[in-house]
């Protein structure tokens, strides 16, 4: 653990989240969005490694998402329509190795 003043933070060197779990950003909570508001389909696929990378990148850019895994062989990632354009840039960076514009 890293102790800074009265703040205690643990350092996690491995993946911090299950890629199938939803992510709610601070902005999402502030705007009062619900899971059903994340309706724009961003990605569909069967590669959980890609799903993990996509989730990490979306969290890094503070973009809320939810994952539908009803079919155990595939997953769908949904974002809010307001975040769709920036989420697509992030997705392109993950899948093609192109960083999103600053």
PDB file of N, CA and C in Angstrom:
ATOM      1  N   UNK A   1       0.831  -1.188   0.000  1.00  0.00           N
ATOM      2  CA  UNK A   1       0.000   0.000   0.000  1.00  0.00           C
ATOM      3  C   UNK A   1       0.866   1.238   0.000  1.00  0.00           C
ATOM      4  N   UNK A   2       0.357   2.235  -0.640  1.00  0.00           N
ATOM      5  CA  UNK A   2       1.009   3.523  -0.706  1.00  0.00           C
ATOM      6  C   UNK A   2       0.239   4.478   0.187  1.00  0.00           C
ATOM      7  N   UNK A   3       0.911   5.086   1.159  1.00  0.00           N
ATOM      8  CA  UNK A   3       0.248   5.994   2.083  1.00  0.00           C
ATOM      9  C   UNK A   3       0.716   7.410   1.781  1.00  0.00           C
ATOM     10  N   UNK A   4      -0.243   8.278   1.476  1.00  0.00           N
ATOM     11  CA  UNK A   4       0.049   9.683   1.199  1.00  0.00           C
ATOM     12  C   UNK A   4      -0.787  10.495   2.174  1.00  0.00           C
ATOM     13  N   UNK A   5      -0.144  11.087   3.164  1.00  0.00           N
ATOM     14  CA  UNK A   5      -0.895  11.840   4.167  1.00  0.00           C
ATOM     15  C   UNK A   5      -1.927  10.940   4.810  1.00  0.00           C
ATOM     16  N   UNK A   6      -3.166  11.367   4.792  1.00  0.00           N
ATOM     17  CA  UNK A   6      -4.243  10.574   5.364  1.00  0.00           C
ATOM     18  C   UNK A   6      -4.935   9.714   4.313  1.00  0.00           C
ATOM     19  N   UNK A   7      -4.446   9.782   3.072  1.00  0.00           N
ATOM     20  CA  UNK A   7      -5.059   9.022   1.984  1.00  0.00           C
ATOM     21  C   UNK A   7      -4.318   7.705   1.829  1.00  0.00           C
ATOM     22  N   UNK A   8      -5.056   6.602   1.814  1.00  0.00           N
ATOM     23  CA  UNK A   8      -4.461   5.292   1.630  1.00  0.00           C
ATOM     24  C   UNK A   8      -4.939   4.744   0.297  1.00  0.00           C
ATOM     25  N   UNK A   9      -3.990   4.380  -0.534  1.00  0.00           N
ATOM     26  CA  UNK A   9      -4.315   3.815  -1.840  1.00  0.00           C
ATOM     27  C   UNK A   9      -3.580   2.497  -1.993  1.00  0.00           C
ATOM     28  N   UNK A  10      -4.238   1.511  -2.557  1.00  0.00           N
ATOM     29  CA  UNK A  10      -3.557   0.255  -2.835  1.00  0.00           C
ATOM     30  C   UNK A  10      -3.154   0.251  -4.302  1.00  0.00           C
ATOM     31  N   UNK A  11      -2.062  -0.387  -4.575  1.00  0.00           N
ATOM     32  CA  UNK A  11      -1.566  -0.479  -5.943  1.00  0.00           C
ATOM     33  C   UNK A  11      -1.938  -1.850  -6.465  1.00  0.00           C
ATOM     34  N   UNK A  12      -2.624  -1.884  -7.581  1.00  0.00           N
ATOM     35  CA  UNK A  12      -3.061  -3.125  -8.202  1.00  0.00           C
ATOM     36  C   UNK A  12      -2.319  -3.265  -9.520  1.00  0.00           C
ATOM     37  N   UNK A  13      -1.476  -4.278  -9.635  1.00  0.00           N
ATOM     38  CA  UNK A  13      -0.684  -4.448 -10.842  1.00  0.00           C
ATOM     39  C   UNK A  13      -1.392  -5.261 -11.915  1.00  0.00           C
ATOM     40  N   UNK A  14      -2.472  -5.917 -11.580  1.00  0.00           N
ATOM     41  CA  UNK A  14      -3.196  -6.720 -12.551  1.00  0.00           C
ATOM     42  C   UNK A  14      -4.435  -6.001 -13.029  1.00  0.00           C
ATOM     43  N   UNK A  15      -5.239  -6.680 -13.859  1.00  0.00           N
ATOM     44  CA  UNK A  15      -6.483  -6.071 -14.320  1.00  0.00           C
ATOM     45  C   UNK A  15      -7.369  -5.746 -13.122  1.00  0.00           C
ATOM     46  N   UNK A  16      -7.935  -4.555 -13.094  1.00  0.00           N
ATOM     47  CA  UNK A  16      -8.703  -4.138 -11.930  1.00  0.00           C
ATOM     48  C   UNK A  16     -10.181  -4.469 -12.040  1.00  0.00           C
ATOM     49  N   UNK A  17     -10.661  -4.730 -13.220  1.00  0.00           N
ATOM     50  CA  UNK A  17     -12.094  -4.967 -13.399  1.00  0.00           C
ATOM     51  C   UNK A  17     -12.331  -6.166 -14.296  1.00  0.00           C
ATOM     52  N   UNK A  18     -13.448  -6.825 -14.046  1.00  0.00           N
ATOM     53  CA  UNK A  18     -13.928  -7.850 -14.963  1.00  0.00           C
ATOM     54  C   UNK A  18     -14.400  -7.106 -16.208  1.00  0.00           C
ATOM     55  N   UNK A  19     -13.908  -7.455 -17.392  1.00  0.00           N
ATOM     56  CA  UNK A  19     -14.281  -6.690 -18.591  1.00  0.00           C
ATOM     57  C   UNK A  19     -15.769  -6.715 -18.898  1.00  0.00           C
ATOM     58  N   UNK A  20     -16.502  -7.642 -18.297  1.00  0.00           N
ATOM     59  CA  UNK A  20     -17.944  -7.715 -18.548  1.00  0.00           C
ATOM     60  C   UNK A  20     -18.750  -6.812 -17.625  1.00  0.00           C
ATOM     61  N   UNK A  21     -18.098  -6.214 -16.636  1.00  0.00           N
ATOM     62  CA  UNK A  21     -18.785  -5.338 -15.688  1.00  0.00           C
ATOM     63  C   UNK A  21     -18.977  -3.953 -16.295  1.00  0.00           C
ATOM     64  N   UNK A  22     -20.091  -3.291 -15.983  1.00  0.00           N
ATOM     65  CA  UNK A  22     -20.301  -1.932 -16.496  1.00  0.00           C
ATOM     66  C   UNK A  22     -19.378  -0.941 -15.793  1.00  0.00           C
ATOM     67  N   UNK A  23     -19.183   0.194 -16.420  1.00  0.00           N
ATOM     68  CA  UNK A  23     -18.395   1.271 -15.820  1.00  0.00           C
ATOM     69  C   UNK A  23     -19.237   2.533 -15.805  1.00  0.00           C
ATOM     70  N   UNK A  24     -19.330   3.159 -14.638  1.00  0.00           N
ATOM     71  CA  UNK A  24     -20.074   4.401 -14.480  1.00  0.00           C
ATOM     72  C   UNK A  24     -19.096   5.500 -14.128  1.00  0.00           C
ATOM     73  N   UNK A  25     -18.941   6.454 -15.006  1.00  0.00           N
ATOM     74  CA  UNK A  25     -18.044   7.579 -14.764  1.00  0.00           C
ATOM     75  C   UNK A  25     -18.703   8.566 -13.806  1.00  0.00           C
ATOM     76  N   UNK A  26     -17.905   9.473 -13.259  1.00  0.00           N
ATOM     77  CA  UNK A  26     -18.449  10.525 -12.391  1.00  0.00           C
ATOM     78  C   UNK A  26     -19.451  11.375 -13.160  1.00  0.00           C
ATOM     79  N   UNK A  27     -19.136  11.644 -14.416  1.00  0.00           N
ATOM     80  CA  UNK A  27     -20.021  12.459 -15.259  1.00  0.00           C
ATOM     81  C   UNK A  27     -21.360  11.762 -15.468  1.00  0.00           C
ATOM     82  N   UNK A  28     -21.326  10.441 -15.645  1.00  0.00           N
ATOM     83  CA  UNK A  28     -22.551   9.666 -15.842  1.00  0.00           C
ATOM     84  C   UNK A  28     -23.460   9.791 -14.632  1.00  0.00           C
ATOM     85  N   UNK A  29     -22.871   9.681 -13.458  1.00  0.00           N
ATOM     86  CA  UNK A  29     -23.661   9.804 -12.227  1.00  0.00           C
ATOM     87  C   UNK A  29     -24.219  11.212 -12.090  1.00  0.00           C
ATOM     88  N   UNK A  30     -23.400  12.211 -12.411  1.00  0.00           N
ATOM     89  CA  UNK A  30     -23.826  13.609 -12.300  1.00  0.00           C
ATOM     90  C   UNK A  30     -24.998  13.901 -13.248  1.00  0.00           C
ATOM     91  N   UNK A  31     -24.984  13.296 -14.432  1.00  0.00           N
ATOM     92  CA  UNK A  31     -26.047  13.534 -15.415  1.00  0.00           C
ATOM     93  C   UNK A  31     -27.290  12.694 -15.124  1.00  0.00           C
ATOM     94  N   UNK A  32     -27.170  11.727 -14.225  1.00  0.00           N
ATOM     95  CA  UNK A  32     -28.328  10.915 -13.864  1.00  0.00           C
ATOM     96  C   UNK A  32     -28.697   9.860 -14.887  1.00  0.00           C
ATOM     97  N   UNK A  33     -27.726   9.400 -15.667  1.00  0.00           N
ATOM     98  CA  UNK A  33     -28.004   8.378 -16.670  1.00  0.00           C
ATOM     99  C   UNK A  33     -28.233   7.026 -16.003  1.00  0.00           C
ATOM    100  N   UNK A  34     -29.046   6.204 -16.649  1.00  0.00           N
ATOM    101  CA  UNK A  34     -29.318   4.830 -16.218  1.00  0.00           C
ATOM    102  C   UNK A  34     -28.693   3.868 -17.221  1.00  0.00           C
ATOM    103  N   UNK A  35     -28.619   2.599 -16.839  1.00  0.00           N
ATOM    104  CA  UNK A  35     -28.029   1.585 -17.722  1.00  0.00           C
ATOM    105  C   UNK A  35     -28.720   1.575 -19.085  1.00  0.00           C
ATOM    106  N   UNK A  36     -30.035   1.722 -19.102  1.00  0.00           N
ATOM    107  CA  UNK A  36     -30.759   1.692 -20.379  1.00  0.00           C
ATOM    108  C   UNK A  36     -30.479   2.925 -21.244  1.00  0.00           C
ATOM    109  N   UNK A  37     -29.907   3.976 -20.654  1.00  0.00           N
ATOM    110  CA  UNK A  37     -29.518   5.151 -21.432  1.00  0.00           C
ATOM    111  C   UNK A  37     -28.264   4.886 -22.267  1.00  0.00           C
ATOM    112  N   UNK A  38     -27.499   3.874 -21.894  1.00  0.00           N
ATOM    113  CA  UNK A  38     -26.294   3.505 -22.654  1.00  0.00           C
ATOM    114  C   UNK A  38     -26.745   2.563 -23.763  1.00  0.00           C
ATOM    115  N   UNK A  39     -27.236   3.136 -24.847  1.00  0.00           N
ATOM    116  CA  UNK A  39     -27.925   2.357 -25.874  1.00  0.00           C
ATOM    117  C   UNK A  39     -27.206   2.307 -27.217  1.00  0.00           C
ATOM    118  N   UNK A  40     -26.133   3.065 -27.390  1.00  0.00           N
ATOM    119  CA  UNK A  40     -25.424   3.068 -28.674  1.00  0.00           C
ATOM    120  C   UNK A  40     -24.430   1.907 -28.706  1.00  0.00           C
ATOM    121  N   UNK A  41     -24.646   0.996 -29.650  1.00  0.00           N
ATOM    122  CA  UNK A  41     -23.762  -0.164 -29.781  1.00  0.00           C
ATOM    123  C   UNK A  41     -22.398   0.293 -30.287  1.00  0.00           C
ATOM    124  N   UNK A  42     -21.375   0.036 -29.498  1.00  0.00           N
ATOM    125  CA  UNK A  42     -20.020   0.440 -29.851  1.00  0.00           C
ATOM    126  C   UNK A  42     -19.235  -0.706 -30.469  1.00  0.00           C
ATOM    127  N   UNK A  43     -19.369  -1.901 -29.913  1.00  0.00           N
ATOM    128  CA  UNK A  43     -18.537  -3.031 -30.345  1.00  0.00           C
ATOM    129  C   UNK A  43     -19.252  -4.332 -30.056  1.00  0.00           C
ATOM    130  N   UNK A  44     -19.088  -5.300 -30.949  1.00  0.00           N
ATOM    131  CA  UNK A  44     -19.555  -6.667 -30.747  1.00  0.00           C
ATOM    132  C   UNK A  44     -18.406  -7.583 -31.111  1.00  0.00           C
ATOM    133  N   UNK A  45     -18.170  -8.579 -30.280  1.00  0.00           N
ATOM    134  CA  UNK A  45     -17.089  -9.499 -30.600  1.00  0.00           C
ATOM    135  C   UNK A  45     -17.024 -10.677 -29.658  1.00  0.00           C
ATOM    136  N   UNK A  46     -16.079 -11.573 -29.950  1.00  0.00           N
ATOM    137  CA  UNK A  46     -15.907 -12.785 -29.153  1.00  0.00           C
ATOM    138  C   UNK A  46     -14.570 -12.816 -28.428  1.00  0.00           C
ATOM    139  N   UNK A  47     -13.730 -11.835 -28.647  1.00  0.00           N
ATOM    140  CA  UNK A  47     -12.399 -11.807 -28.060  1.00  0.00           C
ATOM    141  C   UNK A  47     -12.435 -11.055 -26.730  1.00  0.00           C
ATOM    142  N   UNK A  48     -12.352 -11.803 -25.611  1.00  0.00           N
ATOM    143  CA  UNK A  48     -12.402 -11.154 -24.308  1.00  0.00           C
ATOM    144  C   UNK A  48     -11.160 -10.327 -24.030  1.00  0.00           C
ATOM    145  N   UNK A  49     -10.045 -10.648 -24.677  1.00  0.00           N
ATOM    146  CA  UNK A  49      -8.856  -9.799 -24.526  1.00  0.00           C
ATOM    147  C   UNK A  49      -9.109  -8.427 -25.150  1.00  0.00           C
ATOM    148  N   UNK A  50      -9.756  -8.405 -26.301  1.00  0.00           N
ATOM    149  CA  UNK A  50     -10.117  -7.126 -26.922  1.00  0.00           C
ATOM    150  C   UNK A  50     -11.117  -6.395 -26.037  1.00  0.00           C
ATOM    151  N   UNK A  51     -12.085  -7.116 -25.488  1.00  0.00           N
ATOM    152  CA  UNK A  51     -13.073  -6.511 -24.601  1.00  0.00           C
ATOM    153  C   UNK A  51     -12.391  -5.882 -23.392  1.00  0.00           C
ATOM    154  N   UNK A  52     -11.399  -6.552 -22.841  1.00  0.00           N
ATOM    155  CA  UNK A  52     -10.662  -6.017 -21.696  1.00  0.00           C
ATOM    156  C   UNK A  52      -9.945  -4.726 -22.078  1.00  0.00           C
ATOM    157  N   UNK A  53      -9.282  -4.720 -23.227  1.00  0.00           N
ATOM    158  CA  UNK A  53      -8.590  -3.520 -23.697  1.00  0.00           C
ATOM    159  C   UNK A  53      -9.545  -2.376 -23.968  1.00  0.00           C
ATOM    160  N   UNK A  54     -10.684  -2.678 -24.540  1.00  0.00           N
ATOM    161  CA  UNK A  54     -11.694  -1.657 -24.828  1.00  0.00           C
ATOM    162  C   UNK A  54     -12.210  -1.061 -23.518  1.00  0.00           C
ATOM    163  N   UNK A  55     -12.507  -1.929 -22.560  1.00  0.00           N
ATOM    164  CA  UNK A  55     -12.994  -1.452 -21.261  1.00  0.00           C
ATOM    165  C   UNK A  55     -11.971  -0.576 -20.558  1.00  0.00           C
ATOM    166  N   UNK A  56     -10.700  -1.003 -20.562  1.00  0.00           N
ATOM    167  CA  UNK A  56      -9.659  -0.202 -19.914  1.00  0.00           C
ATOM    168  C   UNK A  56      -9.533   1.174 -20.577  1.00  0.00           C
ATOM    169  N   UNK A  57      -9.577   1.197 -21.909  1.00  0.00           N
ATOM    170  CA  UNK A  57      -9.435   2.467 -22.628  1.00  0.00           C
ATOM    171  C   UNK A  57     -10.631   3.382 -22.374  1.00  0.00           C
ATOM    172  N   UNK A  58     -11.839   2.823 -22.363  1.00  0.00           N
ATOM    173  CA  UNK A  58     -13.018   3.646 -22.090  1.00  0.00           C
ATOM    174  C   UNK A  58     -12.968   4.210 -20.672  1.00  0.00           C
ATOM    175  N   UNK A  59     -12.541   3.382 -19.710  1.00  0.00           N
ATOM    176  CA  UNK A  59     -12.413   3.883 -18.334  1.00  0.00           C
ATOM    177  C   UNK A  59     -11.352   4.978 -18.248  1.00  0.00           C
ATOM    178  N   UNK A  60     -10.254   4.796 -18.963  1.00  0.00           N
ATOM    179  CA  UNK A  60      -9.187   5.796 -18.960  1.00  0.00           C
ATOM    180  C   UNK A  60      -9.698   7.144 -19.465  1.00  0.00           C
ATOM    181  N   UNK A  61     -10.611   7.107 -20.430  1.00  0.00           N
ATOM    182  CA  UNK A  61     -11.174   8.335 -20.989  1.00  0.00           C
ATOM    183  C   UNK A  61     -12.479   8.727 -20.303  1.00  0.00           C
ATOM    184  N   UNK A  62     -12.804   8.051 -19.204  1.00  0.00           N
ATOM    185  CA  UNK A  62     -13.981   8.354 -18.389  1.00  0.00           C
ATOM    186  C   UNK A  62     -15.279   8.285 -19.190  1.00  0.00           C
ATOM    187  N   UNK A  63     -15.377   7.258 -20.039  1.00  0.00           N
ATOM    188  CA  UNK A  63     -16.574   7.038 -20.841  1.00  0.00           C
ATOM    189  C   UNK A  63     -17.326   5.846 -20.249  1.00  0.00           C
ATOM    190  N   UNK A  64     -18.556   6.098 -19.838  1.00  0.00           N
ATOM    191  CA  UNK A  64     -19.384   5.043 -19.254  1.00  0.00           C
ATOM    192  C   UNK A  64     -19.758   4.028 -20.326  1.00  0.00           C
ATOM    193  N   UNK A  65     -19.848   2.750 -19.906  1.00  0.00           N
ATOM    194  CA  UNK A  65     -20.281   1.700 -20.830  1.00  0.00           C
ATOM    195  C   UNK A  65     -20.951   0.579 -20.057  1.00  0.00           C
ATOM    196  N   UNK A  66     -21.705  -0.207 -20.794  1.00  0.00           N
ATOM    197  CA  UNK A  66     -22.263  -1.449 -20.240  1.00  0.00           C
ATOM    198  C   UNK A  66     -22.012  -2.554 -21.248  1.00  0.00           C
ATOM    199  N   UNK A  67     -21.963  -3.773 -20.750  1.00  0.00           N
ATOM    200  CA  UNK A  67     -21.669  -4.921 -21.605  1.00  0.00           C
ATOM    201  C   UNK A  67     -22.834  -5.904 -21.529  1.00  0.00           C
ATOM    202  N   UNK A  68     -23.262  -6.389 -22.667  1.00  0.00           N
ATOM    203  CA  UNK A  68     -24.297  -7.415 -22.752  1.00  0.00           C
ATOM    204  C   UNK A  68     -23.611  -8.718 -23.126  1.00  0.00           C
ATOM    205  N   UNK A  69     -23.675  -9.699 -22.239  1.00  0.00           N
ATOM    206  CA  UNK A  69     -23.043 -11.012 -22.475  1.00  0.00           C
ATOM    207  C   UNK A  69     -24.067 -12.130 -22.390  1.00  0.00           C
ATOM    208  N   UNK A  70     -25.249 -11.896 -22.916  1.00  0.00           N
ATOM    209  CA  UNK A  70     -26.269 -12.961 -22.865  1.00  0.00           C
ATOM    210  C   UNK A  70     -25.809 -14.217 -23.590  1.00  0.00           C
ATOM    211  N   UNK A  71     -25.109 -14.020 -24.693  1.00  0.00           N
ATOM    212  CA  UNK A  71     -24.505 -15.145 -25.409  1.00  0.00           C
ATOM    213  C   UNK A  71     -23.102 -15.325 -24.828  1.00  0.00           C
ATOM    214  N   UNK A  72     -22.820 -16.470 -24.190  1.00  0.00           N
ATOM    215  CA  UNK A  72     -21.512 -16.640 -23.547  1.00  0.00           C
ATOM    216  C   UNK A  72     -20.341 -16.642 -24.524  1.00  0.00           C
ATOM    217  N   UNK A  73     -20.609 -16.717 -25.819  1.00  0.00           N
ATOM    218  CA  UNK A  73     -19.524 -16.724 -26.808  1.00  0.00           C
ATOM    219  C   UNK A  73     -19.244 -15.349 -27.400  1.00  0.00           C
ATOM    220  N   UNK A  74     -20.027 -14.332 -27.003  1.00  0.00           N
ATOM    221  CA  UNK A  74     -19.785 -13.002 -27.546  1.00  0.00           C
ATOM    222  C   UNK A  74     -20.238 -11.939 -26.545  1.00  0.00           C
ATOM    223  N   UNK A  75     -19.834 -10.718 -26.810  1.00  0.00           N
ATOM    224  CA  UNK A  75     -20.208  -9.599 -25.953  1.00  0.00           C
ATOM    225  C   UNK A  75     -20.520  -8.392 -26.817  1.00  0.00           C
ATOM    226  N   UNK A  76     -21.352  -7.517 -26.284  1.00  0.00           N
ATOM    227  CA  UNK A  76     -21.682  -6.250 -26.937  1.00  0.00           C
ATOM    228  C   UNK A  76     -21.413  -5.139 -25.935  1.00  0.00           C
ATOM    229  N   UNK A  77     -20.765  -4.073 -26.400  1.00  0.00           N
ATOM    230  CA  UNK A  77     -20.462  -2.927 -25.557  1.00  0.00           C
ATOM    231  C   UNK A  77     -21.330  -1.758 -26.012  1.00  0.00           C
ATOM    232  N   UNK A  78     -22.022  -1.136 -25.058  1.00  0.00           N
ATOM    233  CA  UNK A  78     -22.901  -0.011 -25.334  1.00  0.00           C
ATOM    234  C   UNK A  78     -22.422   1.222 -24.582  1.00  0.00           C
ATOM    235  N   UNK A  79     -22.552   2.387 -25.209  1.00  0.00           N
ATOM    236  CA  UNK A  79     -22.222   3.671 -24.586  1.00  0.00           C
ATOM    237  C   UNK A  79     -23.414   4.611 -24.752  1.00  0.00           C
ATOM    238  N   UNK A  80     -23.358   5.736 -24.082  1.00  0.00           N
ATOM    239  CA  UNK A  80     -24.414   6.742 -24.214  1.00  0.00           C
ATOM    240  C   UNK A  80     -24.253   7.428 -25.578  1.00  0.00           C
ATOM    241  N   UNK A  81     -25.356   7.764 -26.248  1.00  0.00           N
ATOM    242  CA  UNK A  81     -25.254   8.446 -27.542  1.00  0.00           C
ATOM    243  C   UNK A  81     -24.403   9.717 -27.491  1.00  0.00           C
ATOM    244  N   UNK A  82     -24.411  10.412 -26.372  1.00  0.00           N
ATOM    245  CA  UNK A  82     -23.607  11.622 -26.224  1.00  0.00           C
ATOM    246  C   UNK A  82     -22.105  11.321 -26.273  1.00  0.00           C
ATOM    247  N   UNK A  83     -21.724  10.103 -25.873  1.00  0.00           N
ATOM    248  CA  UNK A  83     -20.311   9.695 -25.849  1.00  0.00           C
ATOM    249  C   UNK A  83     -19.889   8.886 -27.066  1.00  0.00           C
ATOM    250  N   UNK A  84     -20.817   8.625 -27.970  1.00  0.00           N
ATOM    251  CA  UNK A  84     -20.538   7.690 -29.062  1.00  0.00           C
ATOM    252  C   UNK A  84     -19.349   8.115 -29.929  1.00  0.00           C
ATOM    253  N   UNK A  85     -19.275   9.352 -30.331  1.00  0.00           N
ATOM    254  CA  UNK A  85     -18.189   9.787 -31.221  1.00  0.00           C
ATOM    255  C   UNK A  85     -16.823   9.624 -30.556  1.00  0.00           C
ATOM    256  N   UNK A  86     -16.699  10.079 -29.321  1.00  0.00           N
ATOM    257  CA  UNK A  86     -15.406   9.946 -28.643  1.00  0.00           C
ATOM    258  C   UNK A  86     -15.106   8.482 -28.323  1.00  0.00           C
ATOM    259  N   UNK A  87     -16.129   7.695 -28.022  1.00  0.00           N
ATOM    260  CA  UNK A  87     -15.922   6.268 -27.757  1.00  0.00           C
ATOM    261  C   UNK A  87     -15.440   5.544 -29.015  1.00  0.00           C
ATOM    262  N   UNK A  88     -15.946   5.948 -30.179  1.00  0.00           N
ATOM    263  CA  UNK A  88     -15.495   5.335 -31.434  1.00  0.00           C
ATOM    264  C   UNK A  88     -14.019   5.645 -31.697  1.00  0.00           C
ATOM    265  N   UNK A  89     -13.575   6.845 -31.359  1.00  0.00           N
ATOM    266  CA  UNK A  89     -12.152   7.191 -31.506  1.00  0.00           C
ATOM    267  C   UNK A  89     -11.294   6.341 -30.566  1.00  0.00           C
ATOM    268  N   UNK A  90     -11.761   6.170 -29.346  1.00  0.00           N
ATOM    269  CA  UNK A  90     -11.047   5.328 -28.385  1.00  0.00           C
ATOM    270  C   UNK A  90     -11.001   3.890 -28.894  1.00  0.00           C
ATOM    271  N   UNK A  91     -12.125   3.387 -29.386  1.00  0.00           N
ATOM    272  CA  UNK A  91     -12.188   2.021 -29.918  1.00  0.00           C
ATOM    273  C   UNK A  91     -11.222   1.847 -31.077  1.00  0.00           C
ATOM    274  N   UNK A  92     -11.173   2.819 -31.960  1.00  0.00           N
ATOM    275  CA  UNK A  92     -10.255   2.745 -33.100  1.00  0.00           C
ATOM    276  C   UNK A  92      -8.812   2.660 -32.603  1.00  0.00           C
ATOM    277  N   UNK A  93      -8.503   3.418 -31.572  1.00  0.00           N
ATOM    278  CA  UNK A  93      -7.157   3.367 -31.008  1.00  0.00           C
ATOM    279  C   UNK A  93      -6.823   2.004 -30.449  1.00  0.00           C
ATOM    280  N   UNK A  94      -7.772   1.361 -29.813  1.00  0.00           N
ATOM    281  CA  UNK A  94      -7.550   0.032 -29.239  1.00  0.00           C
ATOM    282  C   UNK A  94      -7.379  -1.002 -30.357  1.00  0.00           C
ATOM    283  N   UNK A  95      -8.271  -0.982 -31.318  1.00  0.00           N
ATOM    284  CA  UNK A  95      -8.264  -2.024 -32.353  1.00  0.00           C
ATOM    285  C   UNK A  95      -7.212  -1.820 -33.418  1.00  0.00           C
ATOM    286  N   UNK A  96      -6.879  -0.555 -33.710  1.00  0.00           N
ATOM    287  CA  UNK A  96      -5.917  -0.277 -34.789  1.00  0.00           C
ATOM    288  C   UNK A  96      -4.597   0.286 -34.289  1.00  0.00           C
ATOM    289  N   UNK A  97      -4.509   0.548 -32.992  1.00  0.00           N
ATOM    290  CA  UNK A  97      -3.289   1.107 -32.435  1.00  0.00           C
ATOM    291  C   UNK A  97      -3.112   2.584 -32.740  1.00  0.00           C
ATOM    292  N   UNK A  98      -4.210   3.268 -33.064  1.00  0.00           N
ATOM    293  CA  UNK A  98      -4.162   4.693 -33.368  1.00  0.00           C
ATOM    294  C   UNK A  98      -4.683   5.449 -32.147  1.00  0.00           C
ATOM    295  N   UNK A  99      -3.843   6.297 -31.538  1.00  0.00           N
ATOM    296  CA  UNK A  99      -4.326   7.024 -30.357  1.00  0.00           C
ATOM    297  C   UNK A  99      -5.397   8.046 -30.720  1.00  0.00           C
ATOM    298  N   UNK A 100      -6.368   8.263 -29.805  1.00  0.00           N
ATOM    299  CA  UNK A 100      -7.388   9.265 -30.093  1.00  0.00           C
ATOM    300  C   UNK A 100      -6.767  10.659 -30.120  1.00  0.00           C
ATOM    301  N   UNK A 101      -7.391  11.592 -30.845  1.00  0.00           N
ATOM    302  CA  UNK A 101      -6.844  12.955 -30.895  1.00  0.00           C
ATOM    303  C   UNK A 101      -6.890  13.589 -29.510  1.00  0.00           C
ATOM    304  N   UNK A 102      -5.904  14.437 -29.245  1.00  0.00           N
ATOM    305  CA  UNK A 102      -5.818  15.121 -27.941  1.00  0.00           C
ATOM    306  C   UNK A 102      -6.835  16.215 -27.852  1.00  0.00           C
TER     307      UNK A 102
END
